[in-house]
């Protein structure tokens, strides 16, 4: 019988958040909220390893330039990413605590200040 794979999740000091920030600035605030909630799920030490691995896979899909719908298409380019992240948050909803939502909102407000 094969042994189960152990997923090693990156520490927050290793995650290159500047790459995510550049992509989200192109995509806009609508995609940023679920992406940042996923990022906070990934970084939260209380998120179980299997859930972290799933979140990491979803964020990788967001960052990989090859998509079902190319991100370069205006208005609809990020729609597949938004659907994937929203579905993921639905599946992992039990791990998305008020604290995670609050940290994601603070990061969203910092990265996308209103009134600018």
C-alpha atoms as a PDB file:
ATOM      1  CA  UNK A   1       0.000   0.000   0.000  1.00  0.00           C
ATOM      2  CA  UNK A   2       1.302   3.480  -0.852  1.00  0.00           C
ATOM      3  CA  UNK A   3       2.054   5.836   2.013  1.00  0.00           C
ATOM      4  CA  UNK A   4      -0.015   9.035   2.175  1.00  0.00           C
ATOM      5  CA  UNK A   5       1.639  12.170   0.856  1.00  0.00           C
ATOM      6  CA  UNK A   6       2.490  14.885   3.336  1.00  0.00           C
ATOM      7  CA  UNK A   7       1.815  18.358   1.984  1.00  0.00           C
ATOM      8  CA  UNK A   8       4.287  20.940   3.179  1.00  0.00           C
ATOM      9  CA  UNK A   9       2.713  24.384   3.252  1.00  0.00           C
ATOM     10  CA  UNK A  10       4.857  27.458   2.880  1.00  0.00           C
ATOM     11  CA  UNK A  11       5.309  29.846   5.784  1.00  0.00           C
ATOM     12  CA  UNK A  12       4.031  33.415   5.354  1.00  0.00           C
ATOM     13  CA  UNK A  13       7.618  34.674   5.104  1.00  0.00           C
ATOM     14  CA  UNK A  14       8.096  32.540   1.990  1.00  0.00           C
ATOM     15  CA  UNK A  15       4.860  33.397   0.159  1.00  0.00           C
ATOM     16  CA  UNK A  16       5.656  36.104  -2.393  1.00  0.00           C
ATOM     17  CA  UNK A  17       2.664  38.317  -1.788  1.00  0.00           C
ATOM     18  CA  UNK A  18       3.906  40.956  -4.251  1.00  0.00           C
ATOM     19  CA  UNK A  19       3.134  38.607  -7.155  1.00  0.00           C
ATOM     20  CA  UNK A  20      -0.417  38.149  -5.867  1.00  0.00           C
ATOM     21  CA  UNK A  21      -0.773  41.904  -5.335  1.00  0.00           C
ATOM     22  CA  UNK A  22       0.253  42.705  -8.938  1.00  0.00           C
ATOM     23  CA  UNK A  23      -2.229  40.189 -10.311  1.00  0.00           C
ATOM     24  CA  UNK A  24      -5.063  41.374  -8.076  1.00  0.00           C
ATOM     25  CA  UNK A  25      -4.491  45.004  -9.010  1.00  0.00           C
ATOM     26  CA  UNK A  26      -5.089  43.976 -12.623  1.00  0.00           C
ATOM     27  CA  UNK A  27      -8.112  41.857 -11.696  1.00  0.00           C
ATOM     28  CA  UNK A  28      -9.707  44.325  -9.293  1.00  0.00           C
ATOM     29  CA  UNK A  29     -11.314  44.336  -5.879  1.00  0.00           C
ATOM     30  CA  UNK A  30     -14.047  41.814  -6.850  1.00  0.00           C
ATOM     31  CA  UNK A  31     -11.534  39.009  -7.267  1.00  0.00           C
ATOM     32  CA  UNK A  32      -9.280  40.312  -4.518  1.00  0.00           C
ATOM     33  CA  UNK A  33     -11.665  39.610  -1.621  1.00  0.00           C
ATOM     34  CA  UNK A  34     -11.990  35.813  -2.166  1.00  0.00           C
ATOM     35  CA  UNK A  35      -8.310  35.559  -3.123  1.00  0.00           C
ATOM     36  CA  UNK A  36      -7.252  37.297   0.082  1.00  0.00           C
ATOM     37  CA  UNK A  37      -9.563  35.115   2.168  1.00  0.00           C
ATOM     38  CA  UNK A  38      -7.879  32.106   0.552  1.00  0.00           C
ATOM     39  CA  UNK A  39      -4.459  33.595   1.319  1.00  0.00           C
ATOM     40  CA  UNK A  40      -5.427  34.112   4.953  1.00  0.00           C
ATOM     41  CA  UNK A  41      -6.738  30.526   5.115  1.00  0.00           C
ATOM     42  CA  UNK A  42      -3.383  29.349   3.786  1.00  0.00           C
ATOM     43  CA  UNK A  43      -1.440  31.401   6.318  1.00  0.00           C
ATOM     44  CA  UNK A  44      -3.633  30.594   9.320  1.00  0.00           C
ATOM     45  CA  UNK A  45      -1.959  28.001  11.563  1.00  0.00           C
ATOM     46  CA  UNK A  46      -5.338  26.513  12.539  1.00  0.00           C
ATOM     47  CA  UNK A  47      -6.244  25.572   8.950  1.00  0.00           C
ATOM     48  CA  UNK A  48      -5.770  21.793   8.560  1.00  0.00           C
ATOM     49  CA  UNK A  49      -3.043  20.599   6.190  1.00  0.00           C
ATOM     50  CA  UNK A  50      -5.413  19.087   3.568  1.00  0.00           C
ATOM     51  CA  UNK A  51      -7.366  22.353   3.396  1.00  0.00           C
ATOM     52  CA  UNK A  52      -4.123  24.342   3.122  1.00  0.00           C
ATOM     53  CA  UNK A  53      -2.983  22.153   0.242  1.00  0.00           C
ATOM     54  CA  UNK A  54      -6.299  22.749  -1.559  1.00  0.00           C
ATOM     55  CA  UNK A  55      -6.040  26.511  -1.021  1.00  0.00           C
ATOM     56  CA  UNK A  56      -2.450  26.496  -2.266  1.00  0.00           C
ATOM     57  CA  UNK A  57      -3.567  24.686  -5.418  1.00  0.00           C
ATOM     58  CA  UNK A  58      -6.337  27.261  -6.001  1.00  0.00           C
ATOM     59  CA  UNK A  59      -3.986  30.213  -5.504  1.00  0.00           C
ATOM     60  CA  UNK A  60      -1.489  28.571  -7.844  1.00  0.00           C
ATOM     61  CA  UNK A  61      -4.233  28.270 -10.473  1.00  0.00           C
ATOM     62  CA  UNK A  62      -4.921  31.981 -10.012  1.00  0.00           C
ATOM     63  CA  UNK A  63      -1.257  32.869 -10.535  1.00  0.00           C
ATOM     64  CA  UNK A  64      -0.550  30.532 -13.461  1.00  0.00           C
ATOM     65  CA  UNK A  65      -0.957  32.369 -16.759  1.00  0.00           C
ATOM     66  CA  UNK A  66      -2.637  29.390 -18.476  1.00  0.00           C
ATOM     67  CA  UNK A  67      -6.360  29.511 -17.629  1.00  0.00           C
ATOM     68  CA  UNK A  68      -9.575  28.169 -19.048  1.00  0.00           C
ATOM     69  CA  UNK A  69     -10.425  31.781 -19.879  1.00  0.00           C
ATOM     70  CA  UNK A  70      -7.323  33.926 -20.524  1.00  0.00           C
ATOM     71  CA  UNK A  71      -6.908  36.741 -17.980  1.00  0.00           C
ATOM     72  CA  UNK A  72      -6.078  39.160 -20.788  1.00  0.00           C
ATOM     73  CA  UNK A  73      -9.700  39.218 -22.004  1.00  0.00           C
ATOM     74  CA  UNK A  74     -11.387  42.336 -20.633  1.00  0.00           C
ATOM     75  CA  UNK A  75     -14.210  41.832 -18.118  1.00  0.00           C
ATOM     76  CA  UNK A  76     -14.431  38.030 -18.409  1.00  0.00           C
ATOM     77  CA  UNK A  77     -10.752  37.077 -18.163  1.00  0.00           C
ATOM     78  CA  UNK A  78     -10.774  36.553 -14.410  1.00  0.00           C
ATOM     79  CA  UNK A  79     -14.269  35.032 -14.214  1.00  0.00           C
ATOM     80  CA  UNK A  80     -13.000  31.439 -14.057  1.00  0.00           C
ATOM     81  CA  UNK A  81     -10.621  32.422 -11.264  1.00  0.00           C
ATOM     82  CA  UNK A  82     -13.440  34.087  -9.341  1.00  0.00           C
ATOM     83  CA  UNK A  83     -15.678  31.033  -9.720  1.00  0.00           C
ATOM     84  CA  UNK A  84     -12.874  28.696  -8.593  1.00  0.00           C
ATOM     85  CA  UNK A  85     -12.024  30.783  -5.519  1.00  0.00           C
ATOM     86  CA  UNK A  86     -15.659  31.316  -4.554  1.00  0.00           C
ATOM     87  CA  UNK A  87     -16.368  27.579  -4.861  1.00  0.00           C
ATOM     88  CA  UNK A  88     -13.289  26.806  -2.794  1.00  0.00           C
ATOM     89  CA  UNK A  89     -14.391  29.185  -0.045  1.00  0.00           C
ATOM     90  CA  UNK A  90     -17.796  27.482  -0.047  1.00  0.00           C
ATOM     91  CA  UNK A  91     -16.219  24.077   0.380  1.00  0.00           C
ATOM     92  CA  UNK A  92     -13.804  25.281   3.060  1.00  0.00           C
ATOM     93  CA  UNK A  93     -16.332  27.572   4.753  1.00  0.00           C
ATOM     94  CA  UNK A  94     -16.035  25.856   8.111  1.00  0.00           C
ATOM     95  CA  UNK A  95     -12.381  26.930   8.325  1.00  0.00           C
ATOM     96  CA  UNK A  96     -13.064  30.549   7.322  1.00  0.00           C
ATOM     97  CA  UNK A  97     -13.288  32.131  10.761  1.00  0.00           C
ATOM     98  CA  UNK A  98     -14.283  35.727  11.568  1.00  0.00           C
ATOM     99  CA  UNK A  99     -10.601  36.374  12.293  1.00  0.00           C
ATOM    100  CA  UNK A 100      -9.597  35.174   8.811  1.00  0.00           C
ATOM    101  CA  UNK A 101     -12.299  37.329   7.229  1.00  0.00           C
ATOM    102  CA  UNK A 102     -11.173  40.340   9.255  1.00  0.00           C
ATOM    103  CA  UNK A 103      -7.502  39.903   8.300  1.00  0.00           C
ATOM    104  CA  UNK A 104      -8.489  39.518   4.646  1.00  0.00           C
ATOM    105  CA  UNK A 105     -10.630  42.671   4.839  1.00  0.00           C
ATOM    106  CA  UNK A 106      -7.774  44.655   6.399  1.00  0.00           C
ATOM    107  CA  UNK A 107      -5.396  43.469   3.688  1.00  0.00           C
ATOM    108  CA  UNK A 108      -8.005  44.282   1.023  1.00  0.00           C
ATOM    109  CA  UNK A 109      -8.418  47.813   2.400  1.00  0.00           C
ATOM    110  CA  UNK A 110      -4.646  48.247   2.525  1.00  0.00           C
ATOM    111  CA  UNK A 111      -4.074  46.933  -1.014  1.00  0.00           C
ATOM    112  CA  UNK A 112      -7.204  48.588  -2.487  1.00  0.00           C
ATOM    113  CA  UNK A 113      -7.858  51.766  -0.511  1.00  0.00           C
ATOM    114  CA  UNK A 114     -11.307  53.221  -1.130  1.00  0.00           C
ATOM    115  CA  UNK A 115     -11.527  56.804  -2.275  1.00  0.00           C
ATOM    116  CA  UNK A 116      -8.398  56.752  -4.395  1.00  0.00           C
END
